[in-house]
PDB file of N, CA and C in Angstrom:
ATOM      1  N   MET A   1    -125.951  10.813 -28.970  1.00  0.00           N
ATOM      2  CA  MET A   1    -126.778  10.020 -28.074  1.00  0.00           C
ATOM      3  C   MET A   1    -128.043   9.540 -28.784  1.00  0.00           C
ATOM      4  N   THR A   2    -128.539  10.372 -29.684  1.00  0.00           N
ATOM      5  CA  THR A   2    -129.748  10.001 -30.409  1.00  0.00           C
ATOM      6  C   THR A   2    -129.511   8.791 -31.303  1.00  0.00           C
ATOM      7  N   LYS A   3    -128.335   8.741 -31.924  1.00  0.00           N
ATOM      8  CA  LYS A   3    -128.024   7.592 -32.779  1.00  0.00           C
ATOM      9  C   LYS A   3    -127.915   6.318 -31.958  1.00  0.00           C
ATOM     10  N   LEU A   4    -127.381   6.412 -30.762  1.00  0.00           N
ATOM     11  CA  LEU A   4    -127.283   5.254 -29.884  1.00  0.00           C
ATOM     12  C   LEU A   4    -128.678   4.757 -29.496  1.00  0.00           C
ATOM     13  N   ILE A   5    -129.585   5.666 -29.205  1.00  0.00           N
ATOM     14  CA  ILE A   5    -130.958   5.283 -28.867  1.00  0.00           C
ATOM     15  C   ILE A   5    -131.651   4.678 -30.083  1.00  0.00           C
ATOM     16  N   ALA A   6    -131.370   5.210 -31.270  1.00  0.00           N
ATOM     17  CA  ALA A   6    -131.960   4.649 -32.487  1.00  0.00           C
ATOM     18  C   ALA A   6    -131.457   3.233 -32.738  1.00  0.00           C
ATOM     19  N   ILE A   7    -130.175   2.995 -32.512  1.00  0.00           N
ATOM     20  CA  ILE A   7    -129.633   1.638 -32.665  1.00  0.00           C
ATOM     21  C   ILE A   7    -130.245   0.709 -31.629  1.00  0.00           C
ATOM     22  N   LEU A   8    -130.371   1.176 -30.398  1.00  0.00           N
ATOM     23  CA  LEU A   8    -131.007   0.382 -29.348  1.00  0.00           C
ATOM     24  C   LEU A   8    -132.451   0.056 -29.717  1.00  0.00           C
ATOM     25  N   ASN A   9    -133.140   0.998 -30.325  1.00  0.00           N
ATOM     26  CA  ASN A   9    -134.519   0.795 -30.747  1.00  0.00           C
ATOM     27  C   ASN A   9    -134.610  -0.352 -31.764  1.00  0.00           C
ATOM     28  N   VAL A  10    -133.731  -0.332 -32.756  1.00  0.00           N
ATOM     29  CA  VAL A  10    -133.748  -1.374 -33.786  1.00  0.00           C
ATOM     30  C   VAL A  10    -133.420  -2.737 -33.193  1.00  0.00           C
ATOM     31  N   ILE A  11    -132.421  -2.789 -32.334  1.00  0.00           N
ATOM     32  CA  ILE A  11    -132.024  -4.065 -31.728  1.00  0.00           C
ATOM     33  C   ILE A  11    -133.130  -4.595 -30.823  1.00  0.00           C
ATOM     34  N   ALA A  12    -133.755  -3.706 -30.059  1.00  0.00           N
ATOM     35  CA  ALA A  12    -134.810  -4.141 -29.142  1.00  0.00           C
ATOM     36  C   ALA A  12    -136.017  -4.690 -29.904  1.00  0.00           C
ATOM     37  N   TRP A  13    -136.440  -3.996 -30.973  1.00  0.00           N
ATOM     38  CA  TRP A  13    -137.593  -4.486 -31.731  1.00  0.00           C
ATOM     39  C   TRP A  13    -137.274  -5.774 -32.472  1.00  0.00           C
ATOM     40  N   SER A  14    -136.045  -5.915 -32.971  1.00  0.00           N
ATOM     41  CA  SER A  14    -135.705  -7.176 -33.634  1.00  0.00           C
ATOM     42  C   SER A  14    -135.674  -8.315 -32.619  1.00  0.00           C
ATOM     43  N   GLY A  15    -135.210  -8.032 -31.402  1.00  0.00           N
ATOM     44  CA  GLY A  15    -135.265  -9.041 -30.344  1.00  0.00           C
ATOM     45  C   GLY A  15    -136.688  -9.400 -29.972  1.00  0.00           C
ATOM     46  N   PHE A  16    -137.548  -8.406 -29.949  1.00  0.00           N
ATOM     47  CA  PHE A  16    -138.964  -8.671 -29.669  1.00  0.00           C
ATOM     48  C   PHE A  16    -139.558  -9.634 -30.688  1.00  0.00           C
ATOM     49  N   TRP A  17    -139.319  -9.345 -31.985  1.00  0.00           N
ATOM     50  CA  TRP A  17    -139.898 -10.195 -33.024  1.00  0.00           C
ATOM     51  C   TRP A  17    -139.270 -11.585 -33.034  1.00  0.00           C
ATOM     52  N   ALA A  18    -137.971 -11.680 -32.857  1.00  0.00           N
ATOM     53  CA  ALA A  18    -137.300 -12.985 -32.892  1.00  0.00           C
ATOM     54  C   ALA A  18    -137.718 -13.842 -31.705  1.00  0.00           C
ATOM     55  N   PHE A  19    -137.637 -13.293 -30.498  1.00  0.00           N
ATOM     56  CA  PHE A  19    -137.993 -14.078 -29.325  1.00  0.00           C
ATOM     57  C   PHE A  19    -139.503 -14.277 -29.216  1.00  0.00           C
ATOM     58  N   GLY A  20    -140.270 -13.344 -29.751  1.00  0.00           N
ATOM     59  CA  GLY A  20    -141.718 -13.543 -29.791  1.00  0.00           C
ATOM     60  C   GLY A  20    -142.092 -14.722 -30.664  1.00  0.00           C
ATOM     61  N   TYR A  21    -141.428 -14.851 -31.804  1.00  0.00           N
ATOM     62  CA  TYR A  21    -141.684 -16.004 -32.670  1.00  0.00           C
ATOM     63  C   TYR A  21    -141.269 -17.295 -31.981  1.00  0.00           C
ATOM     64  N   LEU A  22    -140.126 -17.278 -31.318  1.00  0.00           N
ATOM     65  CA  LEU A  22    -139.688 -18.482 -30.597  1.00  0.00           C
ATOM     66  C   LEU A  22    -140.669 -18.844 -29.487  1.00  0.00           C
ATOM     67  N   ALA A  23    -141.225 -17.847 -28.803  1.00  0.00           N
ATOM     68  CA  ALA A  23    -142.179 -18.122 -27.729  1.00  0.00           C
ATOM     69  C   ALA A  23    -143.467 -18.706 -28.282  1.00  0.00           C
ATOM     70  N   ILE A  24    -143.894 -18.215 -29.435  1.00  0.00           N
ATOM     71  CA  ILE A  24    -145.132 -18.730 -30.033  1.00  0.00           C
ATOM     72  C   ILE A  24    -144.941 -20.136 -30.579  1.00  0.00           C
ATOM     73  N   SER A  25    -143.768 -20.406 -31.154  1.00  0.00           N
ATOM     74  CA  SER A  25    -143.566 -21.704 -31.811  1.00  0.00           C
ATOM     75  C   SER A  25    -143.069 -22.794 -30.865  1.00  0.00           C
ATOM     76  N   ALA A  26    -142.728 -22.482 -29.625  1.00  0.00           N
ATOM     77  CA  ALA A  26    -142.218 -23.479 -28.681  1.00  0.00           C
ATOM     78  C   ALA A  26    -143.372 -24.215 -28.014  1.00  0.00           C
ATOM     79  N   ASP A  27    -143.032 -25.366 -27.407  1.00  0.00           N
ATOM     80  CA  ASP A  27    -144.016 -26.084 -26.597  1.00  0.00           C
ATOM     81  C   ASP A  27    -144.444 -25.223 -25.424  1.00  0.00           C
ATOM     82  N   ARG A  28    -145.723 -25.256 -25.109  1.00  0.00           N
ATOM     83  CA  ARG A  28    -146.225 -24.391 -24.049  1.00  0.00           C
ATOM     84  C   ARG A  28    -145.707 -24.782 -22.670  1.00  0.00           C
ATOM     85  N   SER A  29    -145.363 -26.024 -22.487  1.00  0.00           N
ATOM     86  CA  SER A  29    -144.918 -26.457 -21.173  1.00  0.00           C
ATOM     87  C   SER A  29    -143.396 -26.430 -21.033  1.00  0.00           C
ATOM     88  N   SER A  30    -142.712 -25.939 -22.038  1.00  0.00           N
ATOM     89  CA  SER A  30    -141.253 -25.979 -21.981  1.00  0.00           C
ATOM     90  C   SER A  30    -140.679 -24.718 -21.345  1.00  0.00           C
ATOM     91  N   GLU A  31    -139.449 -24.857 -20.878  1.00  0.00           N
ATOM     92  CA  GLU A  31    -138.739 -23.730 -20.288  1.00  0.00           C
ATOM     93  C   GLU A  31    -138.348 -22.724 -21.370  1.00  0.00           C
ATOM     94  N   GLN A  32    -138.165 -23.209 -22.589  1.00  0.00           N
ATOM     95  CA  GLN A  32    -137.784 -22.344 -23.705  1.00  0.00           C
ATOM     96  C   GLN A  32    -138.860 -21.294 -23.975  1.00  0.00           C
ATOM     97  N   MET A  33    -140.113 -21.685 -23.874  1.00  0.00           N
ATOM     98  CA  MET A  33    -141.204 -20.744 -24.128  1.00  0.00           C
ATOM     99  C   MET A  33    -141.218 -19.637 -23.079  1.00  0.00           C
ATOM    100  N   THR A  34    -140.986 -19.978 -21.837  1.00  0.00           N
ATOM    101  CA  THR A  34    -140.992 -18.983 -20.764  1.00  0.00           C
ATOM    102  C   THR A  34    -139.867 -17.972 -20.942  1.00  0.00           C
ATOM    103  N   ILE A  35    -138.677 -18.463 -21.206  1.00  0.00           N
ATOM    104  CA  ILE A  35    -137.537 -17.570 -21.379  1.00  0.00           C
ATOM    105  C   ILE A  35    -137.723 -16.693 -22.615  1.00  0.00           C
ATOM    106  N   ALA A  36    -138.196 -17.280 -23.701  1.00  0.00           N
ATOM    107  CA  ALA A  36    -138.409 -16.506 -24.922  1.00  0.00           C
ATOM    108  C   ALA A  36    -139.486 -15.441 -24.720  1.00  0.00           C
ATOM    109  N   ALA A  37    -140.536 -15.753 -23.983  1.00  0.00           N
ATOM    110  CA  ALA A  37    -141.595 -14.777 -23.721  1.00  0.00           C
ATOM    111  C   ALA A  37    -141.075 -13.623 -22.866  1.00  0.00           C
ATOM    112  N   ILE A  38    -140.255 -13.924 -21.891  1.00  0.00           N
ATOM    113  CA  ILE A  38    -139.676 -12.869 -21.045  1.00  0.00           C
ATOM    114  C   ILE A  38    -138.762 -11.970 -21.872  1.00  0.00           C
ATOM    115  N   LEU A  39    -137.920 -12.573 -22.725  1.00  0.00           N
ATOM    116  CA  LEU A  39    -137.026 -11.777 -23.561  1.00  0.00           C
ATOM    117  C   LEU A  39    -137.800 -10.957 -24.589  1.00  0.00           C
ATOM    118  N   ALA A  40    -138.900 -11.503 -25.108  1.00  0.00           N
ATOM    119  CA  ALA A  40    -139.727 -10.748 -26.047  1.00  0.00           C
ATOM    120  C   ALA A  40    -140.378  -9.550 -25.350  1.00  0.00           C
ATOM    121  N   ALA A  41    -140.870  -9.750 -24.146  1.00  0.00           N
ATOM    122  CA  ALA A  41    -141.474  -8.645 -23.396  1.00  0.00           C
ATOM    123  C   ALA A  41    -140.427  -7.585 -23.056  1.00  0.00           C
ATOM    124  N   LEU A  42    -139.217  -8.011 -22.728  1.00  0.00           N
ATOM    125  CA  LEU A  42    -138.144  -7.070 -22.450  1.00  0.00           C
ATOM    126  C   LEU A  42    -137.776  -6.273 -23.697  1.00  0.00           C
ATOM    127  N   GLY A  43    -137.731  -6.941 -24.838  1.00  0.00           N
ATOM    128  CA  GLY A  43    -137.452  -6.256 -26.093  1.00  0.00           C
ATOM    129  C   GLY A  43    -138.530  -5.240 -26.438  1.00  0.00           C
ATOM    130  N   ALA A  44    -139.788  -5.602 -26.199  1.00  0.00           N
ATOM    131  CA  ALA A  44    -140.889  -4.665 -26.466  1.00  0.00           C
ATOM    132  C   ALA A  44    -140.826  -3.454 -25.543  1.00  0.00           C
ATOM    133  N   ALA A  45    -140.522  -3.681 -24.273  1.00  0.00           N
ATOM    134  CA  ALA A  45    -140.453  -2.574 -23.320  1.00  0.00           C
ATOM    135  C   ALA A  45    -139.319  -1.610 -23.670  1.00  0.00           C
ATOM    136  N   ILE A  46    -138.159  -2.147 -23.974  1.00  0.00           N
ATOM    137  CA  ILE A  46    -137.022  -1.294 -24.330  1.00  0.00           C
ATOM    138  C   ILE A  46    -137.290  -0.593 -25.661  1.00  0.00           C
ATOM    139  N   GLY A  47    -137.912  -1.303 -26.606  1.00  0.00           N
ATOM    140  CA  GLY A  47    -138.232  -0.708 -27.894  1.00  0.00           C
ATOM    141  C   GLY A  47    -139.212   0.449 -27.763  1.00  0.00           C
ATOM    142  N   LEU A  48    -140.224   0.289 -26.938  1.00  0.00           N
ATOM    143  CA  LEU A  48    -141.179   1.379 -26.717  1.00  0.00           C
ATOM    144  C   LEU A  48    -140.508   2.571 -26.045  1.00  0.00           C
ATOM    145  N   TRP A  49    -139.686   2.301 -25.037  1.00  0.00           N
ATOM    146  CA  TRP A  49    -138.986   3.394 -24.352  1.00  0.00           C
ATOM    147  C   TRP A  49    -138.110   4.162 -25.333  1.00  0.00           C
ATOM    148  N   ALA A  50    -137.346   3.437 -26.144  1.00  0.00           N
ATOM    149  CA  ALA A  50    -136.449   4.093 -27.099  1.00  0.00           C
ATOM    150  C   ALA A  50    -137.240   4.872 -28.143  1.00  0.00           C
ATOM    151  N   TYR A  51    -138.349   4.310 -28.607  1.00  0.00           N
ATOM    152  CA  TYR A  51    -139.174   4.996 -29.597  1.00  0.00           C
ATOM    153  C   TYR A  51    -139.717   6.313 -29.039  1.00  0.00           C
ATOM    154  N   PHE A  52    -140.215   6.288 -27.821  1.00  0.00           N
ATOM    155  CA  PHE A  52    -140.747   7.514 -27.226  1.00  0.00           C
ATOM    156  C   PHE A  52    -139.643   8.538 -26.972  1.00  0.00           C
ATOM    157  N   GLN A  53    -138.437   8.087 -26.655  1.00  0.00           N
ATOM    158  CA  GLN A  53    -137.318   9.011 -26.511  1.00  0.00           C
ATOM    159  C   GLN A  53    -136.986   9.672 -27.843  1.00  0.00           C
ATOM    160  N   LEU A  54    -137.033   8.901 -28.919  1.00  0.00           N
ATOM    161  CA  LEU A  54    -136.756   9.460 -30.241  1.00  0.00           C
ATOM    162  C   LEU A  54    -137.839  10.450 -30.669  1.00  0.00           C
ATOM    163  N   VAL A  55    -139.088  10.147 -30.366  1.00  0.00           N
ATOM    164  CA  VAL A  55    -140.179  11.077 -30.685  1.00  0.00           C
ATOM    165  C   VAL A  55    -140.023  12.367 -29.891  1.00  0.00           C
ATOM    166  N   ARG A  56    -139.700  12.254 -28.628  1.00  0.00           N
ATOM    167  CA  ARG A  56    -139.511  13.440 -27.796  1.00  0.00           C
ATOM    168  C   ARG A  56    -138.361  14.294 -28.323  1.00  0.00           C
ATOM    169  N   HIS A  57    -137.271  13.653 -28.729  1.00  0.00           N
ATOM    170  CA  HIS A  57    -136.134  14.392 -29.284  1.00  0.00           C
ATOM    171  C   HIS A  57    -136.517  15.071 -30.604  1.00  0.00           C
ATOM    172  N   SER A  58    -137.281  14.386 -31.436  1.00  0.00           N
ATOM    173  CA  SER A  58    -137.700  14.962 -32.715  1.00  0.00           C
ATOM    174  C   SER A  58    -138.586  16.182 -32.514  1.00  0.00           C
ATOM    175  N   GLU A  59    -139.480  16.129 -31.535  1.00  0.00           N
ATOM    176  CA  GLU A  59    -140.341  17.274 -31.267  1.00  0.00           C
ATOM    177  C   GLU A  59    -139.544  18.435 -30.686  1.00  0.00           C
ATOM    178  N   ARG A  60    -138.568  18.152 -29.829  1.00  0.00           N
ATOM    179  CA  ARG A  60    -137.758  19.205 -29.229  1.00  0.00           C
ATOM    180  C   ARG A  60    -136.888  19.919 -30.248  1.00  0.00           C
ATOM    181  N   THR A  61    -136.354  19.171 -31.195  1.00  0.00           N
ATOM    182  CA  THR A  61    -135.439  19.774 -32.168  1.00  0.00           C
ATOM    183  C   THR A  61    -136.162  20.394 -33.346  1.00  0.00           C
ATOM    184  N   GLY A  62    -137.457  20.196 -33.461  1.00  0.00           N
ATOM    185  CA  GLY A  62    -138.215  20.791 -34.547  1.00  0.00           C
ATOM    186  C   GLY A  62    -138.303  19.915 -35.778  1.00  0.00           C
ATOM    187  N   TYR A  63    -137.763  18.712 -35.733  1.00  0.00           N
ATOM    188  CA  TYR A  63    -137.835  17.810 -36.881  1.00  0.00           C
ATOM    189  C   TYR A  63    -139.269  17.335 -37.109  1.00  0.00           C
ATOM    190  N   ALA A  64    -139.998  17.117 -36.034  1.00  0.00           N
ATOM    191  CA  ALA A  64    -141.404  16.710 -36.120  1.00  0.00           C
ATOM    192  C   ALA A  64    -142.258  17.793 -35.467  1.00  0.00           C
ATOM    193  N   ARG A  65    -143.489  17.935 -35.972  1.00  0.00           N
ATOM    194  CA  ARG A  65    -144.405  18.901 -35.372  1.00  0.00           C
ATOM    195  C   ARG A  65    -144.847  18.418 -34.004  1.00  0.00           C
ATOM    196  N   LYS A  66    -145.077  19.364 -33.128  1.00  0.00           N
ATOM    197  CA  LYS A  66    -145.622  19.009 -31.821  1.00  0.00           C
ATOM    198  C   LYS A  66    -147.072  18.579 -32.004  1.00  0.00           C
ATOM    199  N   PRO A  67    -147.576  17.666 -31.166  1.00  0.00           N
ATOM    200  CA  PRO A  67    -148.957  17.223 -31.327  1.00  0.00           C
ATOM    201  C   PRO A  67    -149.943  18.344 -31.036  1.00  0.00           C
ATOM    202  N   ASN A  68    -151.082  18.293 -31.702  1.00  0.00           N
ATOM    203  CA  ASN A  68    -152.138  19.284 -31.461  1.00  0.00           C
ATOM    204  C   ASN A  68    -152.710  19.074 -30.068  1.00  0.00           C
ATOM    205  N   ARG A  69    -152.814  20.142 -29.343  1.00  0.00           N
ATOM    206  CA  ARG A  69    -153.371  20.088 -27.991  1.00  0.00           C
ATOM    207  C   ARG A  69    -154.566  21.017 -27.931  1.00  0.00           C
ATOM    208  N   ALA A  70    -155.567  20.634 -27.185  1.00  0.00           N
ATOM    209  CA  ALA A  70    -156.753  21.468 -27.037  1.00  0.00           C
ATOM    210  C   ALA A  70    -156.427  22.680 -26.166  1.00  0.00           C
ATOM    211  N   ASP A  71    -157.024  23.799 -26.498  1.00  0.00           N
ATOM    212  CA  ASP A  71    -156.861  25.012 -25.709  1.00  0.00           C
ATOM    213  C   ASP A  71    -157.805  24.918 -24.516  1.00  0.00           C
ATOM    214  N   ARG A  72    -157.238  24.772 -23.339  1.00  0.00           N
ATOM    215  CA  ARG A  72    -158.049  24.581 -22.140  1.00  0.00           C
ATOM    216  C   ARG A  72    -158.127  25.849 -21.285  1.00  0.00           C
ATOM    217  N   SER A  73    -157.805  26.993 -21.867  1.00  0.00           N
ATOM    218  CA  SER A  73    -157.816  28.227 -21.090  1.00  0.00           C
ATOM    219  C   SER A  73    -159.230  28.613 -20.668  1.00  0.00           C
ATOM    220  N   HIS A  74    -160.237  28.194 -21.439  1.00  0.00           N
ATOM    221  CA  HIS A  74    -161.611  28.548 -21.077  1.00  0.00           C
ATOM    222  C   HIS A  74    -162.052  27.844 -19.796  1.00  0.00           C
ATOM    223  N   ILE A  75    -161.486  26.703 -19.481  1.00  0.00           N
ATOM    224  CA  ILE A  75    -161.838  25.992 -18.247  1.00  0.00           C
ATOM    225  C   ILE A  75    -161.336  26.775 -17.052  1.00  0.00           C
ATOM    226  N   GLU A  76    -160.121  27.296 -17.156  1.00  0.00           N
ATOM    227  CA  GLU A  76    -159.585  28.092 -16.052  1.00  0.00           C
ATOM    228  C   GLU A  76    -160.414  29.353 -15.836  1.00  0.00           C
ATOM    229  N   GLN A  77    -160.877  29.960 -16.915  1.00  0.00           N
ATOM    230  CA  GLN A  77    -161.686  31.165 -16.784  1.00  0.00           C
ATOM    231  C   GLN A  77    -163.026  30.859 -16.128  1.00  0.00           C
ATOM    232  N   GLU A  78    -163.625  29.725 -16.460  1.00  0.00           N
ATOM    233  CA  GLU A  78    -164.904  29.351 -15.836  1.00  0.00           C
ATOM    234  C   GLU A  78    -164.724  29.048 -14.360  1.00  0.00           C
ATOM    235  N   LEU A  79    -163.603  28.414 -13.995  1.00  0.00           N
ATOM    236  CA  LEU A  79    -163.375  28.102 -12.600  1.00  0.00           C
ATOM    237  C   LEU A  79    -163.108  29.351 -11.760  1.00  0.00           C
ATOM    238  N   ASN A  80    -162.493  30.349 -12.348  1.00  0.00           N
ATOM    239  CA  ASN A  80    -162.209  31.601 -11.642  1.00  0.00           C
ATOM    240  C   ASN A  80    -163.385  32.560 -11.634  1.00  0.00           C
ATOM    241  N   GLY A  81    -164.457  32.227 -12.334  1.00  0.00           N
ATOM    242  CA  GLY A  81    -165.649  33.064 -12.357  1.00  0.00           C
ATOM    243  C   GLY A  81    -165.561  34.173 -13.368  1.00  0.00           C
ATOM    244  N   GLU A  82    -164.596  34.133 -14.242  1.00  0.00           N
ATOM    245  CA  GLU A  82    -164.474  35.165 -15.262  1.00  0.00           C
ATOM    246  C   GLU A  82    -165.365  34.811 -16.442  1.00  0.00           C
ATOM    247  N   SER A  83    -165.882  35.813 -17.108  1.00  0.00           N
ATOM    248  CA  SER A  83    -166.702  35.566 -18.272  1.00  0.00           C
ATOM    249  C   SER A  83    -165.940  36.025 -19.529  1.00  0.00           C
ATOM    250  N   ALA A  84    -166.307  35.417 -20.635  1.00  0.00           N
ATOM    251  CA  ALA A  84    -165.596  35.721 -21.878  1.00  0.00           C
ATOM    252  C   ALA A  84    -166.037  37.018 -22.475  1.00  0.00           C
TER     253      ALA A  84
END
Protein backbone atom coordinates (compact mmCIF):
# COMPACT_ATOMS: atom_id res chain seq x y z
CA MET A 1 0.00 0.00 0.00
CA THR A 2 2.90 2.31 0.72
CA LYS A 3 4.27 1.89 -2.79
CA LEU A 4 0.87 2.75 -4.23
CA ILE A 5 0.75 5.94 -2.16
CA ALA A 6 4.29 6.79 -3.26
CA ILE A 7 3.32 6.37 -6.92
CA LEU A 8 0.22 8.50 -6.33
CA ASN A 9 2.44 11.13 -4.72
CA VAL A 10 4.71 11.33 -7.77
CA ILE A 11 1.81 11.46 -10.22
CA ALA A 12 -0.03 14.10 -8.20
CA TRP A 13 3.00 16.41 -7.91
CA SER A 14 3.84 16.03 -11.60
CA GLY A 15 0.22 16.94 -12.39
CA PHE A 16 0.50 19.94 -10.12
CA TRP A 17 3.60 21.22 -11.91
CA ALA A 18 2.31 20.49 -15.43
CA PHE A 19 -1.15 21.97 -14.96
CA GLY A 20 0.26 24.81 -12.87
CA TYR A 21 2.49 25.80 -15.77
CA LEU A 22 -0.44 25.59 -18.17
CA ALA A 23 -2.53 27.78 -15.85
CA ILE A 24 0.21 30.39 -15.61
CA SER A 25 0.94 30.45 -19.34
CA ALA A 26 -2.71 30.52 -20.54
CA ASP A 27 -4.81 33.60 -21.23
CA ARG A 28 -6.39 34.82 -18.03
CA SER A 29 -9.84 35.06 -19.53
CA SER A 30 -9.81 31.62 -21.12
CA GLU A 31 -11.54 28.48 -19.97
CA GLN A 32 -8.23 26.63 -20.27
CA MET A 33 -6.72 28.65 -17.43
CA THR A 34 -9.61 27.86 -15.10
CA ILE A 35 -9.53 24.14 -15.76
CA ALA A 36 -5.74 24.00 -15.49
CA ALA A 37 -5.80 25.91 -12.19
CA ILE A 38 -8.40 23.53 -10.74
CA LEU A 39 -6.39 20.48 -11.84
CA ALA A 40 -3.20 22.01 -10.42
CA ALA A 41 -4.89 22.63 -7.07
CA LEU A 42 -6.23 19.08 -7.08
CA GLY A 43 -2.76 17.73 -7.80
CA ALA A 44 -1.29 19.78 -4.95
CA ALA A 45 -3.96 18.61 -2.51
CA ILE A 46 -3.53 14.94 -3.38
CA GLY A 47 0.26 15.33 -3.36
CA LEU A 48 0.24 16.85 0.13
CA TRP A 49 -2.10 14.15 1.44
CA ALA A 50 0.08 11.38 0.00
CA TYR A 51 3.26 12.99 1.32
CA PHE A 52 1.87 13.23 4.85
CA GLN A 53 0.71 9.61 4.66
CA LEU A 54 4.23 8.55 3.68
CA VAL A 55 5.76 10.57 6.52
CA ARG A 56 3.34 9.04 9.00
CA HIS A 57 4.18 5.54 7.74
CA SER A 58 7.92 6.26 7.96
CA GLU A 59 7.61 7.42 11.56
CA ARG A 60 5.47 4.41 12.52
CA THR A 61 7.86 1.88 11.03
CA GLY A 62 10.96 3.48 12.51
CA TYR A 63 12.49 4.50 9.17
CA ALA A 64 12.36 8.17 10.19
CA ARG A 65 12.78 9.64 13.66
CA LYS A 66 9.70 10.94 15.37
CA PRO A 67 9.63 14.75 15.63
CA ASN A 68 10.90 16.36 18.82
CA ARG A 69 8.04 17.30 21.08
CA ALA A 70 8.18 19.54 24.12
CA ASP A 71 7.66 17.90 27.50
CA ARG A 72 4.45 19.46 28.75
CA SER A 73 4.14 17.46 31.96
CA HIS A 74 5.06 20.51 34.05
CA ILE A 75 1.90 22.30 32.86
CA GLU A 76 -0.28 19.49 34.17
CA GLN A 77 1.52 19.60 37.50
CA GLU A 78 0.98 23.37 37.82
CA LEU A 79 -2.70 23.02 36.99
CA ASN A 80 -3.17 20.29 39.62
CA GLY A 81 -1.41 22.38 42.26
CA GLU A 82 1.52 20.02 42.60
CA SER A 83 4.98 21.42 43.12
CA ALA A 84 8.19 20.07 41.66
